[in-house]
Amino acid sequence: MVQMAFCNHQDLLDLKKQVATGTFDKEPLPFNERKGSVERQLEAFTYEERQKLGVNVTADAIALLRRHNIKIDKKSDTYPQLLNAIGRAKIRAIQAIQSRNEGDHVATPHR
């Protein structure tokens, strides 16, 4: 998954809203189809910027599926469940990082 460069309170709220509403970033069009309109270019740029911040759950899902060579139809019921699970995991991770940064003891998973 994408490493979170920095996640502030607003980023956490954004992730919580995505999970609560089930509304995640849409995957942008393939690169060769982006050049046609300003809207498509902006959509791709926004997707990539949100990916850098660590709040793009869709980008994480795509990376995870590619890494493990798993194919899931994006129109299936399984895909939104995957997005939701990744979003919830990211929220837990951010909250644990914030707690640790505030001096609280946080259990660290073994690798």
PDB file of N, CA and C in Angstrom:
ATOM      1  N   MET A   1       0.826  -1.178   0.000  1.00  0.00           N
ATOM      2  CA  MET A   1       0.000   0.000   0.000  1.00  0.00           C
ATOM      3  C   MET A   1       0.874   1.246   0.000  1.00  0.00           C
ATOM      4  N   VAL A   2       0.229   2.333  -0.340  1.00  0.00           N
ATOM      5  CA  VAL A   2       0.943   3.600  -0.404  1.00  0.00           C
ATOM      6  C   VAL A   2       1.309   4.057   1.004  1.00  0.00           C
ATOM      7  N   GLN A   3       2.519   4.537   1.155  1.00  0.00           N
ATOM      8  CA  GLN A   3       2.980   5.061   2.448  1.00  0.00           C
ATOM      9  C   GLN A   3       2.352   6.431   2.670  1.00  0.00           C
ATOM     10  N   MET A   4       1.818   6.688   3.839  1.00  0.00           N
ATOM     11  CA  MET A   4       1.239   7.986   4.142  1.00  0.00           C
ATOM     12  C   MET A   4       2.350   8.968   4.482  1.00  0.00           C
ATOM     13  N   ALA A   5       2.512   9.990   3.652  1.00  0.00           N
ATOM     14  CA  ALA A   5       3.544  10.988   3.892  1.00  0.00           C
ATOM     15  C   ALA A   5       3.211  11.762   5.168  1.00  0.00           C
ATOM     16  N   PHE A   6       2.000  12.193   5.289  1.00  0.00           N
ATOM     17  CA  PHE A   6       1.561  12.914   6.478  1.00  0.00           C
ATOM     18  C   PHE A   6       0.054  12.849   6.486  1.00  0.00           C
ATOM     19  N   CYS A   7      -0.529  12.580   7.600  1.00  0.00           N
ATOM     20  CA  CYS A   7      -1.974  12.499   7.680  1.00  0.00           C
ATOM     21  C   CYS A   7      -2.441  13.388   8.823  1.00  0.00           C
ATOM     22  N   ASN A   8      -3.148  14.427   8.490  1.00  0.00           N
ATOM     23  CA  ASN A   8      -3.640  15.330   9.522  1.00  0.00           C
ATOM     24  C   ASN A   8      -5.080  14.987   9.888  1.00  0.00           C
ATOM     25  N   HIS A   9      -5.648  15.779  10.751  1.00  0.00           N
ATOM     26  CA  HIS A   9      -7.005  15.525  11.239  1.00  0.00           C
ATOM     27  C   HIS A   9      -8.014  15.524  10.089  1.00  0.00           C
ATOM     28  N   GLN A  10      -7.848  16.443   9.146  1.00  0.00           N
ATOM     29  CA  GLN A  10      -8.785  16.517   8.019  1.00  0.00           C
ATOM     30  C   GLN A  10      -8.702  15.272   7.152  1.00  0.00           C
ATOM     31  N   ASP A  11      -7.486  14.739   6.958  1.00  0.00           N
ATOM     32  CA  ASP A  11      -7.322  13.510   6.183  1.00  0.00           C
ATOM     33  C   ASP A  11      -8.050  12.350   6.857  1.00  0.00           C
ATOM     34  N   LEU A  12      -7.943  12.280   8.179  1.00  0.00           N
ATOM     35  CA  LEU A  12      -8.631  11.224   8.927  1.00  0.00           C
ATOM     36  C   LEU A  12     -10.143  11.371   8.775  1.00  0.00           C
ATOM     37  N   LEU A  13     -10.640  12.595   8.881  1.00  0.00           N
ATOM     38  CA  LEU A  13     -12.076  12.823   8.698  1.00  0.00           C
ATOM     39  C   LEU A  13     -12.513  12.431   7.289  1.00  0.00           C
ATOM     40  N   ASP A  14     -11.680  12.723   6.306  1.00  0.00           N
ATOM     41  CA  ASP A  14     -11.995  12.363   4.928  1.00  0.00           C
ATOM     42  C   ASP A  14     -12.105  10.849   4.778  1.00  0.00           C
ATOM     43  N   LEU A  15     -11.164  10.121   5.352  1.00  0.00           N
ATOM     44  CA  LEU A  15     -11.226   8.657   5.289  1.00  0.00           C
ATOM     45  C   LEU A  15     -12.473   8.125   5.982  1.00  0.00           C
ATOM     46  N   LYS A  16     -12.792   8.689   7.135  1.00  0.00           N
ATOM     47  CA  LYS A  16     -13.991   8.248   7.857  1.00  0.00           C
ATOM     48  C   LYS A  16     -15.252   8.501   7.035  1.00  0.00           C
ATOM     49  N   LYS A  17     -15.286   9.644   6.356  1.00  0.00           N
ATOM     50  CA  LYS A  17     -16.445   9.965   5.516  1.00  0.00           C
ATOM     51  C   LYS A  17     -16.554   8.986   4.351  1.00  0.00           C
ATOM     52  N   GLN A  18     -15.408   8.647   3.742  1.00  0.00           N
ATOM     53  CA  GLN A  18     -15.427   7.692   2.636  1.00  0.00           C
ATOM     54  C   GLN A  18     -15.981   6.344   3.091  1.00  0.00           C
ATOM     55  N   VAL A  19     -15.517   5.873   4.238  1.00  0.00           N
ATOM     56  CA  VAL A  19     -15.972   4.579   4.749  1.00  0.00           C
ATOM     57  C   VAL A  19     -17.458   4.647   5.110  1.00  0.00           C
ATOM     58  N   ALA A  20     -17.869   5.731   5.766  1.00  0.00           N
ATOM     59  CA  ALA A  20     -19.268   5.862   6.201  1.00  0.00           C
ATOM     60  C   ALA A  20     -20.233   5.925   5.016  1.00  0.00           C
ATOM     61  N   THR A  21     -19.824   6.598   3.948  1.00  0.00           N
ATOM     62  CA  THR A  21     -20.714   6.771   2.799  1.00  0.00           C
ATOM     63  C   THR A  21     -20.501   5.738   1.704  1.00  0.00           C
ATOM     64  N   GLY A  22     -19.358   5.039   1.762  1.00  0.00           N
ATOM     65  CA  GLY A  22     -19.047   4.087   0.698  1.00  0.00           C
ATOM     66  C   GLY A  22     -18.682   4.777  -0.603  1.00  0.00           C
ATOM     67  N   THR A  23     -18.292   6.041  -0.504  1.00  0.00           N
ATOM     68  CA  THR A  23     -17.935   6.827  -1.685  1.00  0.00           C
ATOM     69  C   THR A  23     -16.427   7.005  -1.710  1.00  0.00           C
ATOM     70  N   PHE A  24     -15.766   6.251  -2.565  1.00  0.00           N
ATOM     71  CA  PHE A  24     -14.310   6.287  -2.658  1.00  0.00           C
ATOM     72  C   PHE A  24     -13.900   6.930  -3.976  1.00  0.00           C
ATOM     73  N   ASP A  25     -12.626   7.321  -4.075  1.00  0.00           N
ATOM     74  CA  ASP A  25     -12.123   7.905  -5.319  1.00  0.00           C
ATOM     75  C   ASP A  25     -12.317   6.939  -6.468  1.00  0.00           C
ATOM     76  N   LYS A  26     -12.714   7.485  -7.612  1.00  0.00           N
ATOM     77  CA  LYS A  26     -12.829   6.657  -8.805  1.00  0.00           C
ATOM     78  C   LYS A  26     -11.462   6.512  -9.438  1.00  0.00           C
ATOM     79  N   GLU A  27     -11.251   5.369 -10.054  1.00  0.00           N
ATOM     80  CA  GLU A  27      -9.989   5.153 -10.757  1.00  0.00           C
ATOM     81  C   GLU A  27      -9.988   6.044 -11.999  1.00  0.00           C
ATOM     82  N   PRO A  28      -8.889   6.781 -12.216  1.00  0.00           N
ATOM     83  CA  PRO A  28      -8.875   7.647 -13.398  1.00  0.00           C
ATOM     84  C   PRO A  28      -8.770   6.836 -14.682  1.00  0.00           C
ATOM     85  N   LEU A  29      -9.065   7.486 -15.775  1.00  0.00           N
ATOM     86  CA  LEU A  29      -8.942   6.837 -17.074  1.00  0.00           C
ATOM     87  C   LEU A  29      -7.481   6.495 -17.351  1.00  0.00           C
ATOM     88  N   PRO A  30      -7.235   5.499 -18.207  1.00  0.00           N
ATOM     89  CA  PRO A  30      -5.850   5.191 -18.574  1.00  0.00           C
ATOM     90  C   PRO A  30      -5.150   6.427 -19.122  1.00  0.00           C
ATOM     91  N   PHE A  31      -3.835   6.462 -18.983  1.00  0.00           N
ATOM     92  CA  PHE A  31      -3.050   7.638 -19.323  1.00  0.00           C
ATOM     93  C   PHE A  31      -3.323   8.149 -20.734  1.00  0.00           C
ATOM     94  N   ASN A  32      -3.432   7.254 -21.704  1.00  0.00           N
ATOM     95  CA  ASN A  32      -3.616   7.690 -23.086  1.00  0.00           C
ATOM     96  C   ASN A  32      -4.984   8.322 -23.333  1.00  0.00           C
ATOM     97  N   GLU A  33      -5.945   8.157 -22.412  1.00  0.00           N
ATOM     98  CA  GLU A  33      -7.270   8.758 -22.569  1.00  0.00           C
ATOM     99  C   GLU A  33      -7.430  10.039 -21.758  1.00  0.00           C
ATOM    100  N   ARG A  34      -6.424  10.418 -20.986  1.00  0.00           N
ATOM    101  CA  ARG A  34      -6.509  11.589 -20.118  1.00  0.00           C
ATOM    102  C   ARG A  34      -6.290  12.891 -20.870  1.00  0.00           C
ATOM    103  N   LYS A  35      -5.595  12.829 -21.988  1.00  0.00           N
ATOM    104  CA  LYS A  35      -5.163  14.041 -22.667  1.00  0.00           C
ATOM    105  C   LYS A  35      -6.315  14.813 -23.301  1.00  0.00           C
ATOM    106  N   GLY A  36      -7.460  14.156 -23.489  1.00  0.00           N
ATOM    107  CA  GLY A  36      -8.561  14.758 -24.227  1.00  0.00           C
ATOM    108  C   GLY A  36      -9.189  15.988 -23.606  1.00  0.00           C
ATOM    109  N   SER A  37      -9.362  16.028 -22.316  1.00  0.00           N
ATOM    110  CA  SER A  37     -10.056  17.156 -21.720  1.00  0.00           C
ATOM    111  C   SER A  37      -9.376  17.598 -20.425  1.00  0.00           C
ATOM    112  N   VAL A  38      -9.629  18.835 -20.085  1.00  0.00           N
ATOM    113  CA  VAL A  38      -9.095  19.387 -18.844  1.00  0.00           C
ATOM    114  C   VAL A  38      -9.671  18.628 -17.655  1.00  0.00           C
ATOM    115  N   GLU A  39     -10.938  18.247 -17.713  1.00  0.00           N
ATOM    116  CA  GLU A  39     -11.586  17.529 -16.619  1.00  0.00           C
ATOM    117  C   GLU A  39     -10.892  16.188 -16.363  1.00  0.00           C
ATOM    118  N   ARG A  40     -10.544  15.485 -17.423  1.00  0.00           N
ATOM    119  CA  ARG A  40      -9.869  14.189 -17.273  1.00  0.00           C
ATOM    120  C   ARG A  40      -8.473  14.369 -16.686  1.00  0.00           C
ATOM    121  N   GLN A  41      -7.776  15.406 -17.128  1.00  0.00           N
ATOM    122  CA  GLN A  41      -6.437  15.666 -16.600  1.00  0.00           C
ATOM    123  C   GLN A  41      -6.509  16.033 -15.126  1.00  0.00           C
ATOM    124  N   LEU A  42      -7.499  16.840 -14.760  1.00  0.00           N
ATOM    125  CA  LEU A  42      -7.673  17.245 -13.366  1.00  0.00           C
ATOM    126  C   LEU A  42      -8.042  16.047 -12.496  1.00  0.00           C
ATOM    127  N   GLU A  43      -8.903  15.188 -13.004  1.00  0.00           N
ATOM    128  CA  GLU A  43      -9.292  13.980 -12.270  1.00  0.00           C
ATOM    129  C   GLU A  43      -8.074  13.103 -11.986  1.00  0.00           C
ATOM    130  N   ALA A  44      -7.224  12.929 -12.991  1.00  0.00           N
ATOM    131  CA  ALA A  44      -6.017  12.106 -12.817  1.00  0.00           C
ATOM    132  C   ALA A  44      -5.060  12.756 -11.825  1.00  0.00           C
ATOM    133  N   PHE A  45      -4.894  14.080 -11.916  1.00  0.00           N
ATOM    134  CA  PHE A  45      -4.004  14.791 -11.003  1.00  0.00           C
ATOM    135  C   PHE A  45      -4.506  14.677  -9.563  1.00  0.00           C
ATOM    136  N   THR A  46      -5.790  14.885  -9.356  1.00  0.00           N
ATOM    137  CA  THR A  46      -6.377  14.805  -8.017  1.00  0.00           C
ATOM    138  C   THR A  46      -6.209  13.405  -7.438  1.00  0.00           C
ATOM    139  N   TYR A  47      -6.458  12.397  -8.258  1.00  0.00           N
ATOM    140  CA  TYR A  47      -6.297  10.997  -7.839  1.00  0.00           C
ATOM    141  C   TYR A  47      -4.874  10.755  -7.342  1.00  0.00           C
ATOM    142  N   GLU A  48      -3.896  11.214  -8.125  1.00  0.00           N
ATOM    143  CA  GLU A  48      -2.495  10.985  -7.775  1.00  0.00           C
ATOM    144  C   GLU A  48      -2.078  11.774  -6.537  1.00  0.00           C
ATOM    145  N   GLU A  49      -2.583  13.002  -6.382  1.00  0.00           N
ATOM    146  CA  GLU A  49      -2.248  13.803  -5.206  1.00  0.00           C
ATOM    147  C   GLU A  49      -2.836  13.178  -3.944  1.00  0.00           C
ATOM    148  N   ARG A  50      -4.073  12.703  -4.026  1.00  0.00           N
ATOM    149  CA  ARG A  50      -4.699  12.050  -2.873  1.00  0.00           C
ATOM    150  C   ARG A  50      -3.986  10.744  -2.547  1.00  0.00           C
ATOM    151  N   GLN A  51      -3.449  10.092  -3.578  1.00  0.00           N
ATOM    152  CA  GLN A  51      -2.669   8.871  -3.361  1.00  0.00           C
ATOM    153  C   GLN A  51      -1.412   9.205  -2.563  1.00  0.00           C
ATOM    154  N   LYS A  52      -0.737  10.298  -2.886  1.00  0.00           N
ATOM    155  CA  LYS A  52       0.471  10.703  -2.168  1.00  0.00           C
ATOM    156  C   LYS A  52       0.172  11.002  -0.702  1.00  0.00           C
ATOM    157  N   LEU A  53      -0.994  11.573  -0.429  1.00  0.00           N
ATOM    158  CA  LEU A  53      -1.372  11.902   0.948  1.00  0.00           C
ATOM    159  C   LEU A  53      -1.766  10.661   1.744  1.00  0.00           C
ATOM    160  N   GLY A  54      -2.088   9.587   1.050  1.00  0.00           N
ATOM    161  CA  GLY A  54      -2.473   8.366   1.742  1.00  0.00           C
ATOM    162  C   GLY A  54      -3.964   8.262   2.001  1.00  0.00           C
ATOM    163  N   VAL A  55      -4.768   9.104   1.357  1.00  0.00           N
ATOM    164  CA  VAL A  55      -6.213   9.054   1.585  1.00  0.00           C
ATOM    165  C   VAL A  55      -6.976   8.490   0.385  1.00  0.00           C
ATOM    166  N   ASN A  56      -6.254   7.982  -0.606  1.00  0.00           N
ATOM    167  CA  ASN A  56      -6.904   7.401  -1.770  1.00  0.00           C
ATOM    168  C   ASN A  56      -7.008   5.893  -1.582  1.00  0.00           C
ATOM    169  N   VAL A  57      -8.139   5.460  -1.080  1.00  0.00           N
ATOM    170  CA  VAL A  57      -8.374   4.045  -0.786  1.00  0.00           C
ATOM    171  C   VAL A  57      -8.391   3.228  -2.078  1.00  0.00           C
ATOM    172  N   THR A  58      -8.952   3.793  -3.133  1.00  0.00           N
ATOM    173  CA  THR A  58      -9.010   3.087  -4.413  1.00  0.00           C
ATOM    174  C   THR A  58      -7.615   2.771  -4.930  1.00  0.00           C
ATOM    175  N   ALA A  59      -6.698   3.733  -4.831  1.00  0.00           N
ATOM    176  CA  ALA A  59      -5.323   3.504  -5.284  1.00  0.00           C
ATOM    177  C   ALA A  59      -4.678   2.380  -4.483  1.00  0.00           C
ATOM    178  N   ASP A  60      -4.932   2.348  -3.188  1.00  0.00           N
ATOM    179  CA  ASP A  60      -4.385   1.281  -2.346  1.00  0.00           C
ATOM    180  C   ASP A  60      -4.959  -0.076  -2.741  1.00  0.00           C
ATOM    181  N   ALA A  61      -6.256  -0.116  -3.034  1.00  0.00           N
ATOM    182  CA  ALA A  61      -6.892  -1.373  -3.423  1.00  0.00           C
ATOM    183  C   ALA A  61      -6.299  -1.884  -4.730  1.00  0.00           C
ATOM    184  N   ILE A  62      -6.124  -0.994  -5.687  1.00  0.00           N
ATOM    185  CA  ILE A  62      -5.560  -1.387  -6.980  1.00  0.00           C
ATOM    186  C   ILE A  62      -4.134  -1.904  -6.797  1.00  0.00           C
ATOM    187  N   ALA A  63      -3.348  -1.200  -5.989  1.00  0.00           N
ATOM    188  CA  ALA A  63      -1.964  -1.635  -5.736  1.00  0.00           C
ATOM    189  C   ALA A  63      -1.929  -2.997  -5.055  1.00  0.00           C
ATOM    190  N   LEU A  64      -2.803  -3.201  -4.083  1.00  0.00           N
ATOM    191  CA  LEU A  64      -2.860  -4.477  -3.358  1.00  0.00           C
ATOM    192  C   LEU A  64      -3.236  -5.619  -4.296  1.00  0.00           C
ATOM    193  N   LEU A  65      -4.243  -5.397  -5.124  1.00  0.00           N
ATOM    194  CA  LEU A  65      -4.671  -6.437  -6.059  1.00  0.00           C
ATOM    195  C   LEU A  65      -3.575  -6.763  -7.067  1.00  0.00           C
ATOM    196  N   ARG A  66      -2.910  -5.737  -7.566  1.00  0.00           N
ATOM    197  CA  ARG A  66      -1.823  -5.966  -8.532  1.00  0.00           C
ATOM    198  C   ARG A  66      -0.662  -6.712  -7.884  1.00  0.00           C
ATOM    199  N   ARG A  67      -0.306  -6.299  -6.657  1.00  0.00           N
ATOM    200  CA  ARG A  67       0.831  -6.921  -5.965  1.00  0.00           C
ATOM    201  C   ARG A  67       0.612  -8.416  -5.781  1.00  0.00           C
ATOM    202  N   HIS A  68      -0.626  -8.806  -5.503  1.00  0.00           N
ATOM    203  CA  HIS A  68      -0.914 -10.211  -5.238  1.00  0.00           C
ATOM    204  C   HIS A  68      -1.555 -10.920  -6.437  1.00  0.00           C
ATOM    205  N   ASN A  69      -1.568 -10.214  -7.579  1.00  0.00           N
ATOM    206  CA  ASN A  69      -2.100 -10.766  -8.826  1.00  0.00           C
ATOM    207  C   ASN A  69      -3.515 -11.333  -8.624  1.00  0.00           C
ATOM    208  N   ILE A  70      -4.358 -10.528  -7.997  1.00  0.00           N
ATOM    209  CA  ILE A  70      -5.744 -10.914  -7.744  1.00  0.00           C
ATOM    210  C   ILE A  70      -6.645 -10.107  -8.666  1.00  0.00           C
ATOM    211  N   LYS A  71      -7.586 -10.780  -9.288  1.00  0.00           N
ATOM    212  CA  LYS A  71      -8.537 -10.116 -10.186  1.00  0.00           C
ATOM    213  C   LYS A  71      -9.900 -10.064  -9.501  1.00  0.00           C
ATOM    214  N   ILE A  72     -10.434  -8.865  -9.363  1.00  0.00           N
ATOM    215  CA  ILE A  72     -11.783  -8.693  -8.827  1.00  0.00           C
ATOM    216  C   ILE A  72     -12.531  -7.761  -9.775  1.00  0.00           C
ATOM    217  N   ASP A  73     -13.699  -8.172 -10.181  1.00  0.00           N
ATOM    218  CA  ASP A  73     -14.531  -7.320 -11.033  1.00  0.00           C
ATOM    219  C   ASP A  73     -14.973  -6.110 -10.214  1.00  0.00           C
ATOM    220  N   LYS A  74     -14.674  -4.932 -10.711  1.00  0.00           N
ATOM    221  CA  LYS A  74     -14.975  -3.709  -9.968  1.00  0.00           C
ATOM    222  C   LYS A  74     -16.476  -3.448  -9.851  1.00  0.00           C
ATOM    223  N   LYS A  75     -17.268  -4.197 -10.599  1.00  0.00           N
ATOM    224  CA  LYS A  75     -18.722  -4.061 -10.515  1.00  0.00           C
ATOM    225  C   LYS A  75     -19.335  -5.093  -9.570  1.00  0.00           C
ATOM    226  N   SER A  76     -18.496  -5.967  -9.028  1.00  0.00           N
ATOM    227  CA  SER A  76     -19.000  -7.011  -8.126  1.00  0.00           C
ATOM    228  C   SER A  76     -19.241  -6.443  -6.732  1.00  0.00           C
ATOM    229  N   ASP A  77     -19.925  -7.208  -5.904  1.00  0.00           N
ATOM    230  CA  ASP A  77     -20.161  -6.809  -4.507  1.00  0.00           C
ATOM    231  C   ASP A  77     -18.875  -6.875  -3.689  1.00  0.00           C
ATOM    232  N   THR A  78     -17.928  -7.667  -4.135  1.00  0.00           N
ATOM    233  CA  THR A  78     -16.677  -7.851  -3.406  1.00  0.00           C
ATOM    234  C   THR A  78     -15.804  -6.598  -3.421  1.00  0.00           C
ATOM    235  N   TYR A  79     -15.797  -5.870  -4.527  1.00  0.00           N
ATOM    236  CA  TYR A  79     -14.922  -4.706  -4.658  1.00  0.00           C
ATOM    237  C   TYR A  79     -15.249  -3.611  -3.635  1.00  0.00           C
ATOM    238  N   PRO A  80     -16.508  -3.197  -3.460  1.00  0.00           N
ATOM    239  CA  PRO A  80     -16.797  -2.204  -2.420  1.00  0.00           C
ATOM    240  C   PRO A  80     -16.450  -2.706  -1.014  1.00  0.00           C
ATOM    241  N   GLN A  81     -16.593  -4.013  -0.788  1.00  0.00           N
ATOM    242  CA  GLN A  81     -16.213  -4.581   0.505  1.00  0.00           C
ATOM    243  C   GLN A  81     -14.720  -4.450   0.731  1.00  0.00           C
ATOM    244  N   LEU A  82     -13.926  -4.657  -0.326  1.00  0.00           N
ATOM    245  CA  LEU A  82     -12.479  -4.494  -0.234  1.00  0.00           C
ATOM    246  C   LEU A  82     -12.132  -3.037   0.079  1.00  0.00           C
ATOM    247  N   LEU A  83     -12.753  -2.109  -0.637  1.00  0.00           N
ATOM    248  CA  LEU A  83     -12.493  -0.687  -0.390  1.00  0.00           C
ATOM    249  C   LEU A  83     -12.828  -0.321   1.054  1.00  0.00           C
ATOM    250  N   ASN A  84     -13.938  -0.822   1.541  1.00  0.00           N
ATOM    251  CA  ASN A  84     -14.350  -0.534   2.910  1.00  0.00           C
ATOM    252  C   ASN A  84     -13.352  -1.096   3.915  1.00  0.00           C
ATOM    253  N   ALA A  85     -12.902  -2.324   3.699  1.00  0.00           N
ATOM    254  CA  ALA A  85     -11.938  -2.945   4.614  1.00  0.00           C
ATOM    255  C   ALA A  85     -10.615  -2.182   4.626  1.00  0.00           C
ATOM    256  N   ILE A  86     -10.147  -1.762   3.454  1.00  0.00           N
ATOM    257  CA  ILE A  86      -8.909  -0.994   3.386  1.00  0.00           C
ATOM    258  C   ILE A  86      -9.087   0.360   4.065  1.00  0.00           C
ATOM    259  N   GLY A  87     -10.204   1.004   3.828  1.00  0.00           N
ATOM    260  CA  GLY A  87     -10.470   2.295   4.472  1.00  0.00           C
ATOM    261  C   GLY A  87     -10.488   2.186   5.990  1.00  0.00           C
ATOM    262  N   ARG A  88     -11.147   1.162   6.521  1.00  0.00           N
ATOM    263  CA  ARG A  88     -11.191   0.972   7.968  1.00  0.00           C
ATOM    264  C   ARG A  88      -9.806   0.671   8.538  1.00  0.00           C
ATOM    265  N   ALA A  89      -9.014  -0.116   7.805  1.00  0.00           N
ATOM    266  CA  ALA A  89      -7.657  -0.429   8.259  1.00  0.00           C
ATOM    267  C   ALA A  89      -6.783   0.825   8.283  1.00  0.00           C
ATOM    268  N   LYS A  90      -6.940   1.672   7.290  1.00  0.00           N
ATOM    269  CA  LYS A  90      -6.170   2.922   7.248  1.00  0.00           C
ATOM    270  C   LYS A  90      -6.554   3.832   8.414  1.00  0.00           C
ATOM    271  N   ILE A  91      -7.829   3.883   8.735  1.00  0.00           N
ATOM    272  CA  ILE A  91      -8.290   4.696   9.865  1.00  0.00           C
ATOM    273  C   ILE A  91      -7.665   4.192  11.160  1.00  0.00           C
ATOM    274  N   ARG A  92      -7.694   2.870  11.375  1.00  0.00           N
ATOM    275  CA  ARG A  92      -7.080   2.301  12.582  1.00  0.00           C
ATOM    276  C   ARG A  92      -5.591   2.605  12.637  1.00  0.00           C
ATOM    277  N   ALA A  93      -4.924   2.512  11.492  1.00  0.00           N
ATOM    278  CA  ALA A  93      -3.480   2.786  11.453  1.00  0.00           C
ATOM    279  C   ALA A  93      -3.195   4.249  11.783  1.00  0.00           C
ATOM    280  N   ILE A  94      -3.959   5.153  11.223  1.00  0.00           N
ATOM    281  CA  ILE A  94      -3.758   6.586  11.484  1.00  0.00           C
ATOM    282  C   ILE A  94      -3.996   6.896  12.956  1.00  0.00           C
ATOM    283  N   GLN A  95      -5.057   6.315  13.507  1.00  0.00           N
ATOM    284  CA  GLN A  95      -5.344   6.551  14.920  1.00  0.00           C
ATOM    285  C   GLN A  95      -4.231   6.002  15.806  1.00  0.00           C
ATOM    286  N   ALA A  96      -3.672   4.851  15.447  1.00  0.00           N
ATOM    287  CA  ALA A  96      -2.573   4.282  16.223  1.00  0.00           C
ATOM    288  C   ALA A  96      -1.328   5.169  16.120  1.00  0.00           C
ATOM    289  N   ILE A  97      -1.056   5.682  14.927  1.00  0.00           N
ATOM    290  CA  ILE A  97       0.091   6.572  14.732  1.00  0.00           C
ATOM    291  C   ILE A  97      -0.081   7.839  15.555  1.00  0.00           C
ATOM    292  N   GLN A  98      -1.283   8.399  15.524  1.00  0.00           N
ATOM    293  CA  GLN A  98      -1.544   9.608  16.301  1.00  0.00           C
ATOM    294  C   GLN A  98      -1.379   9.344  17.794  1.00  0.00           C
ATOM    295  N   SER A  99      -1.885   8.217  18.260  1.00  0.00           N
ATOM    296  CA  SER A  99      -1.745   7.874  19.682  1.00  0.00           C
ATOM    297  C   SER A  99      -0.276   7.720  20.060  1.00  0.00           C
ATOM    298  N   ARG A 100       0.472   7.027  19.227  1.00  0.00           N
ATOM    299  CA  ARG A 100       1.901   6.845  19.481  1.00  0.00           C
ATOM    300  C   ARG A 100       2.623   8.196  19.517  1.00  0.00           C
ATOM    301  N   ASN A 101       2.280   9.068  18.584  1.00  0.00           N
ATOM    302  CA  ASN A 101       2.918  10.387  18.535  1.00  0.00           C
ATOM    303  C   ASN A 101       2.568  11.254  19.736  1.00  0.00           C
ATOM    304  N   GLU A 102       1.461  10.936  20.392  1.00  0.00           N
ATOM    305  CA  GLU A 102       1.058  11.665  21.599  1.00  0.00           C
ATOM    306  C   GLU A 102       1.640  11.024  22.856  1.00  0.00           C
ATOM    307  N   GLY A 103       2.441   9.965  22.678  1.00  0.00           N
ATOM    308  CA  GLY A 103       3.107   9.340  23.816  1.00  0.00           C
ATOM    309  C   GLY A 103       2.406   8.127  24.381  1.00  0.00           C
ATOM    310  N   ASP A 104       1.298   7.726  23.789  1.00  0.00           N
ATOM    311  CA  ASP A 104       0.583   6.545  24.271  1.00  0.00           C
ATOM    312  C   ASP A 104       1.265   5.279  23.763  1.00  0.00           C
ATOM    313  N   HIS A 105       1.140   4.207  24.559  1.00  0.00           N
ATOM    314  CA  HIS A 105       1.669   2.924  24.134  1.00  0.00           C
ATOM    315  C   HIS A 105       0.730   2.331  23.080  1.00  0.00           C
ATOM    316  N   VAL A 106       1.308   1.917  21.985  1.00  0.00           N
ATOM    317  CA  VAL A 106       0.526   1.298  20.905  1.00  0.00           C
ATOM    318  C   VAL A 106       1.194  -0.021  20.553  1.00  0.00           C
ATOM    319  N   ALA A 107       0.415  -1.089  20.547  1.00  0.00           N
ATOM    320  CA  ALA A 107       0.969  -2.393  20.175  1.00  0.00           C
ATOM    321  C   ALA A 107       1.411  -2.351  18.722  1.00  0.00           C
ATOM    322  N   THR A 108       2.622  -2.812  18.491  1.00  0.00           N
ATOM    323  CA  THR A 108       3.175  -2.828  17.142  1.00  0.00           C
ATOM    324  C   THR A 108       3.102  -4.250  16.613  1.00  0.00           C
ATOM    325  N   PRO A 109       2.443  -4.421  15.451  1.00  0.00           N
ATOM    326  CA  PRO A 109       2.350  -5.781  14.900  1.00  0.00           C
ATOM    327  C   PRO A 109       3.722  -6.294  14.475  1.00  0.00           C
ATOM    328  N   HIS A 110       3.909  -7.605  14.578  1.00  0.00           N
ATOM    329  CA  HIS A 110       5.146  -8.235  14.155  1.00  0.00           C
ATOM    330  C   HIS A 110       5.123  -8.413  12.646  1.00  0.00           C
ATOM    331  N   ARG A 111       6.269  -8.287  12.012  1.00  0.00           N
ATOM    332  CA  ARG A 111       6.342  -8.468  10.558  1.00  0.00           C
ATOM    333  C   ARG A 111       6.610  -9.890  10.221  1.00  0.00           C
TER     334      ARG A 111
END
